[in-house]
Structure formats: C-alpha cells, structure tokens
C-alpha cells in the first residue's frame, strides 16, 4: 500500500522522503524467507521468526509523523 501511495504522490513527495529506504519492510521480507526455509528443519525457529516480524511491526514508525511536522514548521 505504501508503494502505491508513493507512486500516487510522486517520488519527491514528503511521503516518499519520510518513507525512505523502508528498512522494516526489507528486513521483514528477509526474515519471512528465512522462516520458510527454517520451517522444514526447525519449525520452532520458524515460528520464532514469524513472531519476531510481528514484534518489529508493533514498534511504531514515526518517520511519516515527523516528516509532516517538519513540513508544517516551514
């Protein structure tokens, strides 16, 4: 959804700048891929990996909120 919004607003928009390189998204994909492989050999490790991704996304991402505050201060 975020990529669609960035395409709609443009690559130079405040949203695109705030979103940046999307560290959490890239790490999540990597952990999910790792967990799929682990599921065949270490099912509990795979489950732990899925839980780790959920915990990563529970931590709030303040980039967009901070970027919008900075725009309002200009």
PDB file of N, CA and C in Angstrom:
ATOM      1  N   UNK A   1       0.817  -1.173   0.000  1.00  0.00           N
ATOM      2  CA  UNK A   1       0.000   0.000   0.000  1.00  0.00           C
ATOM      3  C   UNK A   1       0.877   1.259   0.000  1.00  0.00           C
ATOM      4  N   UNK A   2       1.951   1.232   0.756  1.00  0.00           N
ATOM      5  CA  UNK A   2       2.811   2.409   0.818  1.00  0.00           C
ATOM      6  C   UNK A   2       3.434   2.722  -0.539  1.00  0.00           C
ATOM      7  N   UNK A   3       3.782   1.674  -1.276  1.00  0.00           N
ATOM      8  CA  UNK A   3       4.383   1.902  -2.595  1.00  0.00           C
ATOM      9  C   UNK A   3       3.373   2.523  -3.564  1.00  0.00           C
ATOM     10  N   UNK A   4       2.126   2.124  -3.464  1.00  0.00           N
ATOM     11  CA  UNK A   4       1.073   2.707  -4.305  1.00  0.00           C
ATOM     12  C   UNK A   4       0.888   4.181  -3.958  1.00  0.00           C
ATOM     13  N   UNK A   5       0.875   4.494  -2.665  1.00  0.00           N
ATOM     14  CA  UNK A   5       0.731   5.889  -2.239  1.00  0.00           C
ATOM     15  C   UNK A   5       1.898   6.749  -2.722  1.00  0.00           C
ATOM     16  N   UNK A   6       3.096   6.201  -2.658  1.00  0.00           N
ATOM     17  CA  UNK A   6       4.271   6.946  -3.124  1.00  0.00           C
ATOM     18  C   UNK A   6       4.184   7.169  -4.628  1.00  0.00           C
ATOM     19  N   UNK A   7       3.729   6.169  -5.372  1.00  0.00           N
ATOM     20  CA  UNK A   7       3.558   6.360  -6.816  1.00  0.00           C
ATOM     21  C   UNK A   7       2.529   7.444  -7.107  1.00  0.00           C
ATOM     22  N   UNK A   8       1.476   7.484  -6.301  1.00  0.00           N
ATOM     23  CA  UNK A   8       0.426   8.478  -6.499  1.00  0.00           C
ATOM     24  C   UNK A   8       0.911   9.892  -6.160  1.00  0.00           C
ATOM     25  N   UNK A   9       1.674  10.021  -5.100  1.00  0.00           N
ATOM     26  CA  UNK A   9       2.135  11.341  -4.646  1.00  0.00           C
ATOM     27  C   UNK A   9       3.422  11.796  -5.338  1.00  0.00           C
ATOM     28  N   UNK A  10       4.179  10.867  -5.865  1.00  0.00           N
ATOM     29  CA  UNK A  10       5.423  11.205  -6.546  1.00  0.00           C
ATOM     30  C   UNK A  10       6.639  10.843  -5.720  1.00  0.00           C
ATOM     31  N   UNK A  11       7.727  10.597  -6.409  1.00  0.00           N
ATOM     32  CA  UNK A  11       8.957  10.168  -5.732  1.00  0.00           C
ATOM     33  C   UNK A  11       9.618  11.275  -4.925  1.00  0.00           C
ATOM     34  N   UNK A  12       9.283  12.523  -5.208  1.00  0.00           N
ATOM     35  CA  UNK A  12       9.869  13.642  -4.472  1.00  0.00           C
ATOM     36  C   UNK A  12       8.928  14.183  -3.403  1.00  0.00           C
ATOM     37  N   UNK A  13       7.850  13.466  -3.127  1.00  0.00           N
ATOM     38  CA  UNK A  13       6.861  13.940  -2.160  1.00  0.00           C
ATOM     39  C   UNK A  13       7.370  13.785  -0.727  1.00  0.00           C
ATOM     40  N   UNK A  14       6.672  14.431   0.184  1.00  0.00           N
ATOM     41  CA  UNK A  14       7.004  14.331   1.605  1.00  0.00           C
ATOM     42  C   UNK A  14       6.867  12.882   2.065  1.00  0.00           C
ATOM     43  N   UNK A  15       5.842  12.203   1.567  1.00  0.00           N
ATOM     44  CA  UNK A  15       5.620  10.805   1.931  1.00  0.00           C
ATOM     45  C   UNK A  15       6.791   9.930   1.493  1.00  0.00           C
ATOM     46  N   UNK A  16       7.243  10.099   0.269  1.00  0.00           N
ATOM     47  CA  UNK A  16       8.362   9.297  -0.236  1.00  0.00           C
ATOM     48  C   UNK A  16       9.638   9.581   0.544  1.00  0.00           C
ATOM     49  N   UNK A  17       9.856  10.837   0.869  1.00  0.00           N
ATOM     50  CA  UNK A  17      11.039  11.205   1.649  1.00  0.00           C
ATOM     51  C   UNK A  17      10.969  10.603   3.045  1.00  0.00           C
ATOM     52  N   UNK A  18       9.796  10.671   3.664  1.00  0.00           N
ATOM     53  CA  UNK A  18       9.631  10.125   5.005  1.00  0.00           C
ATOM     54  C   UNK A  18       9.776   8.608   5.009  1.00  0.00           C
ATOM     55  N   UNK A  19       9.262   7.986   4.000  1.00  0.00           N
ATOM     56  CA  UNK A  19       9.296   6.529   3.936  1.00  0.00           C
ATOM     57  C   UNK A  19      10.715   6.018   3.770  1.00  0.00           C
ATOM     58  N   UNK A  20      11.524   6.754   3.032  1.00  0.00           N
ATOM     59  CA  UNK A  20      12.931   6.423   2.893  1.00  0.00           C
ATOM     60  C   UNK A  20      13.185   5.085   2.249  1.00  0.00           C
ATOM     61  N   UNK A  21      14.104   4.341   2.811  1.00  0.00           N
ATOM     62  CA  UNK A  21      14.547   3.083   2.223  1.00  0.00           C
ATOM     63  C   UNK A  21      13.746   1.885   2.714  1.00  0.00           C
ATOM     64  N   UNK A  22      12.806   2.088   3.618  1.00  0.00           N
ATOM     65  CA  UNK A  22      11.907   1.041   4.122  1.00  0.00           C
ATOM     66  C   UNK A  22      12.668  -0.128   4.726  1.00  0.00           C
ATOM     67  N   UNK A  23      13.421   0.161   5.766  1.00  0.00           N
ATOM     68  CA  UNK A  23      14.229  -0.855   6.438  1.00  0.00           C
ATOM     69  C   UNK A  23      13.364  -1.986   7.001  1.00  0.00           C
ATOM     70  N   UNK A  24      12.282  -1.625   7.680  1.00  0.00           N
ATOM     71  CA  UNK A  24      11.427  -2.649   8.293  1.00  0.00           C
ATOM     72  C   UNK A  24      10.817  -3.579   7.244  1.00  0.00           C
ATOM     73  N   UNK A  25      10.406  -3.029   6.123  1.00  0.00           N
ATOM     74  CA  UNK A  25       9.825  -3.852   5.071  1.00  0.00           C
ATOM     75  C   UNK A  25      10.820  -4.834   4.489  1.00  0.00           C
ATOM     76  N   UNK A  26      12.014  -4.357   4.236  1.00  0.00           N
ATOM     77  CA  UNK A  26      13.048  -5.233   3.656  1.00  0.00           C
ATOM     78  C   UNK A  26      13.491  -6.310   4.644  1.00  0.00           C
ATOM     79  N   UNK A  27      13.652  -5.929   5.902  1.00  0.00           N
ATOM     80  CA  UNK A  27      14.047  -6.905   6.919  1.00  0.00           C
ATOM     81  C   UNK A  27      12.943  -7.952   7.102  1.00  0.00           C
ATOM     82  N   UNK A  28      11.696  -7.509   7.076  1.00  0.00           N
ATOM     83  CA  UNK A  28      10.571  -8.435   7.241  1.00  0.00           C
ATOM     84  C   UNK A  28      10.552  -9.480   6.137  1.00  0.00           C
ATOM     85  N   UNK A  29      10.744  -9.047   4.906  1.00  0.00           N
ATOM     86  CA  UNK A  29      10.760  -9.985   3.779  1.00  0.00           C
ATOM     87  C   UNK A  29      11.894 -10.994   3.939  1.00  0.00           C
ATOM     88  N   UNK A  30      13.059 -10.511   4.360  1.00  0.00           N
ATOM     89  CA  UNK A  30      14.203 -11.400   4.568  1.00  0.00           C
ATOM     90  C   UNK A  30      13.905 -12.428   5.657  1.00  0.00           C
ATOM     91  N   UNK A  31      13.337 -11.975   6.780  1.00  0.00           N
ATOM     92  CA  UNK A  31      13.037 -12.893   7.884  1.00  0.00           C
ATOM     93  C   UNK A  31      11.961 -13.893   7.467  1.00  0.00           C
ATOM     94  N   UNK A  32      10.940 -13.448   6.742  1.00  0.00           N
ATOM     95  CA  UNK A  32       9.911 -14.375   6.258  1.00  0.00           C
ATOM     96  C   UNK A  32      10.519 -15.439   5.347  1.00  0.00           C
ATOM     97  N   UNK A  33      11.386 -15.034   4.440  1.00  0.00           N
ATOM     98  CA  UNK A  33      12.025 -16.007   3.535  1.00  0.00           C
ATOM     99  C   UNK A  33      12.879 -16.997   4.330  1.00  0.00           C
ATOM    100  N   UNK A  34      13.599 -16.497   5.304  1.00  0.00           N
ATOM    101  CA  UNK A  34      14.403 -17.352   6.164  1.00  0.00           C
ATOM    102  C   UNK A  34      13.508 -18.324   6.937  1.00  0.00           C
ATOM    103  N   UNK A  35      12.389 -17.839   7.452  1.00  0.00           N
ATOM    104  CA  UNK A  35      11.474 -18.674   8.229  1.00  0.00           C
ATOM    105  C   UNK A  35      10.861 -19.788   7.379  1.00  0.00           C
ATOM    106  N   UNK A  36      10.577 -19.480   6.124  1.00  0.00           N
ATOM    107  CA  UNK A  36      10.026 -20.521   5.236  1.00  0.00           C
ATOM    108  C   UNK A  36      11.031 -21.662   5.095  1.00  0.00           C
ATOM    109  N   UNK A  37      12.285 -21.321   4.906  1.00  0.00           N
ATOM    110  CA  UNK A  37      13.319 -22.357   4.821  1.00  0.00           C
ATOM    111  C   UNK A  37      13.502 -23.104   6.135  1.00  0.00           C
ATOM    112  N   UNK A  38      13.466 -22.371   7.242  1.00  0.00           N
ATOM    113  CA  UNK A  38      13.618 -22.997   8.552  1.00  0.00           C
ATOM    114  C   UNK A  38      12.462 -23.935   8.888  1.00  0.00           C
ATOM    115  N   UNK A  39      11.295 -23.655   8.365  1.00  0.00           N
ATOM    116  CA  UNK A  39      10.108 -24.443   8.698  1.00  0.00           C
ATOM    117  C   UNK A  39      10.282 -25.923   8.364  1.00  0.00           C
ATOM    118  N   UNK A  40      11.105 -26.234   7.394  1.00  0.00           N
ATOM    119  CA  UNK A  40      11.321 -27.629   7.008  1.00  0.00           C
ATOM    120  C   UNK A  40      12.240 -28.369   7.974  1.00  0.00           C
ATOM    121  N   UNK A  41      13.119 -27.630   8.672  1.00  0.00           N
ATOM    122  CA  UNK A  41      14.120 -28.263   9.528  1.00  0.00           C
ATOM    123  C   UNK A  41      13.950 -27.935  11.004  1.00  0.00           C
ATOM    124  N   UNK A  42      13.599 -26.701  11.297  1.00  0.00           N
ATOM    125  CA  UNK A  42      13.438 -26.223  12.676  1.00  0.00           C
ATOM    126  C   UNK A  42      12.133 -25.458  12.797  1.00  0.00           C
ATOM    127  N   UNK A  43      11.012 -26.152  12.925  1.00  0.00           N
ATOM    128  CA  UNK A  43       9.717 -25.462  12.959  1.00  0.00           C
ATOM    129  C   UNK A  43       9.605 -24.409  14.046  1.00  0.00           C
ATOM    130  N   UNK A  44      10.162 -24.663  15.215  1.00  0.00           N
ATOM    131  CA  UNK A  44      10.065 -23.675  16.291  1.00  0.00           C
ATOM    132  C   UNK A  44      10.864 -22.414  15.971  1.00  0.00           C
ATOM    133  N   UNK A  45      11.962 -22.564  15.283  1.00  0.00           N
ATOM    134  CA  UNK A  45      12.730 -21.389  14.862  1.00  0.00           C
ATOM    135  C   UNK A  45      11.944 -20.576  13.843  1.00  0.00           C
ATOM    136  N   UNK A  46      11.224 -21.257  12.988  1.00  0.00           N
ATOM    137  CA  UNK A  46      10.388 -20.562  12.008  1.00  0.00           C
ATOM    138  C   UNK A  46       9.286 -19.780  12.708  1.00  0.00           C
ATOM    139  N   UNK A  47       8.652 -20.414  13.684  1.00  0.00           N
ATOM    140  CA  UNK A  47       7.602 -19.722  14.437  1.00  0.00           C
ATOM    141  C   UNK A  47       8.172 -18.507  15.154  1.00  0.00           C
ATOM    142  N   UNK A  48       9.356 -18.660  15.742  1.00  0.00           N
ATOM    143  CA  UNK A  48      10.006 -17.536  16.415  1.00  0.00           C
ATOM    144  C   UNK A  48      10.300 -16.407  15.427  1.00  0.00           C
ATOM    145  N   UNK A  49      10.656 -16.756  14.212  1.00  0.00           N
ATOM    146  CA  UNK A  49      10.930 -15.741  13.192  1.00  0.00           C
ATOM    147  C   UNK A  49       9.666 -14.974  12.829  1.00  0.00           C
ATOM    148  N   UNK A  50       8.542 -15.680  12.703  1.00  0.00           N
ATOM    149  CA  UNK A  50       7.271 -15.018  12.417  1.00  0.00           C
ATOM    150  C   UNK A  50       6.873 -14.086  13.558  1.00  0.00           C
ATOM    151  N   UNK A  51       7.106 -14.523  14.777  1.00  0.00           N
ATOM    152  CA  UNK A  51       6.807 -13.677  15.940  1.00  0.00           C
ATOM    153  C   UNK A  51       7.717 -12.450  15.953  1.00  0.00           C
ATOM    154  N   UNK A  52       8.971 -12.637  15.583  1.00  0.00           N
ATOM    155  CA  UNK A  52       9.907 -11.511  15.520  1.00  0.00           C
ATOM    156  C   UNK A  52       9.423 -10.439  14.546  1.00  0.00           C
ATOM    157  N   UNK A  53       8.937 -10.853  13.390  1.00  0.00           N
ATOM    158  CA  UNK A  53       8.414  -9.884  12.416  1.00  0.00           C
ATOM    159  C   UNK A  53       7.222  -9.130  13.000  1.00  0.00           C
ATOM    160  N   UNK A  54       6.356  -9.841  13.700  1.00  0.00           N
ATOM    161  CA  UNK A  54       5.200  -9.182  14.322  1.00  0.00           C
ATOM    162  C   UNK A  54       5.650  -8.150  15.353  1.00  0.00           C
ATOM    163  N   UNK A  55       6.655  -8.492  16.134  1.00  0.00           N
ATOM    164  CA  UNK A  55       7.169  -7.559  17.143  1.00  0.00           C
ATOM    165  C   UNK A  55       7.808  -6.346  16.481  1.00  0.00           C
ATOM    166  N   UNK A  56       8.528  -6.573  15.402  1.00  0.00           N
ATOM    167  CA  UNK A  56       9.140  -5.449  14.675  1.00  0.00           C
ATOM    168  C   UNK A  56       8.073  -4.455  14.243  1.00  0.00           C
ATOM    169  N   UNK A  57       6.935  -4.955  13.765  1.00  0.00           N
ATOM    170  CA  UNK A  57       5.881  -4.064  13.280  1.00  0.00           C
ATOM    171  C   UNK A  57       5.027  -3.483  14.392  1.00  0.00           C
ATOM    172  N   UNK A  58       5.139  -4.009  15.607  1.00  0.00           N
ATOM    173  CA  UNK A  58       4.432  -3.405  16.739  1.00  0.00           C
ATOM    174  C   UNK A  58       5.096  -2.108  17.191  1.00  0.00           C
ATOM    175  N   UNK A  59       6.383  -1.999  16.940  1.00  0.00           N
ATOM    176  CA  UNK A  59       7.112  -0.779  17.291  1.00  0.00           C
ATOM    177  C   UNK A  59       6.680   0.321  16.321  1.00  0.00           C
ATOM    178  N   UNK A  60       6.157   1.430  16.831  1.00  0.00           N
ATOM    179  CA  UNK A  60       5.667   2.483  15.934  1.00  0.00           C
ATOM    180  C   UNK A  60       6.772   3.101  15.084  1.00  0.00           C
ATOM    181  N   UNK A  61       6.421   3.434  13.874  1.00  0.00           N
ATOM    182  CA  UNK A  61       7.340   4.084  12.948  1.00  0.00           C
ATOM    183  C   UNK A  61       6.940   5.548  12.861  1.00  0.00           C
ATOM    184  N   UNK A  62       7.754   6.417  13.359  1.00  0.00           N
ATOM    185  CA  UNK A  62       7.425   7.836  13.467  1.00  0.00           C
ATOM    186  C   UNK A  62       7.920   8.671  12.283  1.00  0.00           C
ATOM    187  N   UNK A  63       8.460   8.045  11.261  1.00  0.00           N
ATOM    188  CA  UNK A  63       9.034   8.807  10.147  1.00  0.00           C
ATOM    189  C   UNK A  63       8.017   9.696   9.457  1.00  0.00           C
ATOM    190  N   UNK A  64       6.843   9.176   9.165  1.00  0.00           N
ATOM    191  CA  UNK A  64       5.836   9.960   8.443  1.00  0.00           C
ATOM    192  C   UNK A  64       5.325  11.088   9.326  1.00  0.00           C
ATOM    193  N   UNK A  65       5.060  10.781  10.585  1.00  0.00           N
ATOM    194  CA  UNK A  65       4.590  11.809  11.512  1.00  0.00           C
ATOM    195  C   UNK A  65       5.623  12.936  11.652  1.00  0.00           C
ATOM    196  N   UNK A  66       6.883  12.586  11.794  1.00  0.00           N
ATOM    197  CA  UNK A  66       7.937  13.597  11.919  1.00  0.00           C
ATOM    198  C   UNK A  66       8.086  14.415  10.639  1.00  0.00           C
ATOM    199  N   UNK A  67       7.971  13.767   9.498  1.00  0.00           N
ATOM    200  CA  UNK A  67       8.091  14.486   8.231  1.00  0.00           C
ATOM    201  C   UNK A  67       6.951  15.490   8.065  1.00  0.00           C
ATOM    202  N   UNK A  68       5.747  15.107   8.454  1.00  0.00           N
ATOM    203  CA  UNK A  68       4.617  16.021   8.344  1.00  0.00           C
ATOM    204  C   UNK A  68       4.746  17.202   9.324  1.00  0.00           C
ATOM    205  N   UNK A  69       5.309  16.956  10.498  1.00  0.00           N
ATOM    206  CA  UNK A  69       5.549  18.047  11.451  1.00  0.00           C
ATOM    207  C   UNK A  69       6.569  19.032  10.865  1.00  0.00           C
ATOM    208  N   UNK A  70       7.603  18.499  10.211  1.00  0.00           N
ATOM    209  CA  UNK A  70       8.635  19.362   9.632  1.00  0.00           C
ATOM    210  C   UNK A  70       8.080  20.204   8.497  1.00  0.00           C
ATOM    211  N   UNK A  71       7.134  19.670   7.728  1.00  0.00           N
ATOM    212  CA  UNK A  71       6.521  20.417   6.643  1.00  0.00           C
ATOM    213  C   UNK A  71       5.699  21.561   7.220  1.00  0.00           C
ATOM    214  N   UNK A  72       5.010  21.302   8.307  1.00  0.00           N
ATOM    215  CA  UNK A  72       4.192  22.331   8.949  1.00  0.00           C
ATOM    216  C   UNK A  72       5.014  23.443   9.558  1.00  0.00           C
ATOM    217  N   UNK A  73       6.276  23.168   9.903  1.00  0.00           N
ATOM    218  CA  UNK A  73       7.146  24.166  10.520  1.00  0.00           C
ATOM    219  C   UNK A  73       7.864  25.041   9.501  1.00  0.00           C
ATOM    220  N   UNK A  74       7.737  24.744   8.248  1.00  0.00           N
ATOM    221  CA  UNK A  74       8.457  25.521   7.220  1.00  0.00           C
ATOM    222  C   UNK A  74       7.796  26.833   6.968  1.00  0.00           C
TER     223      UNK A  74
END
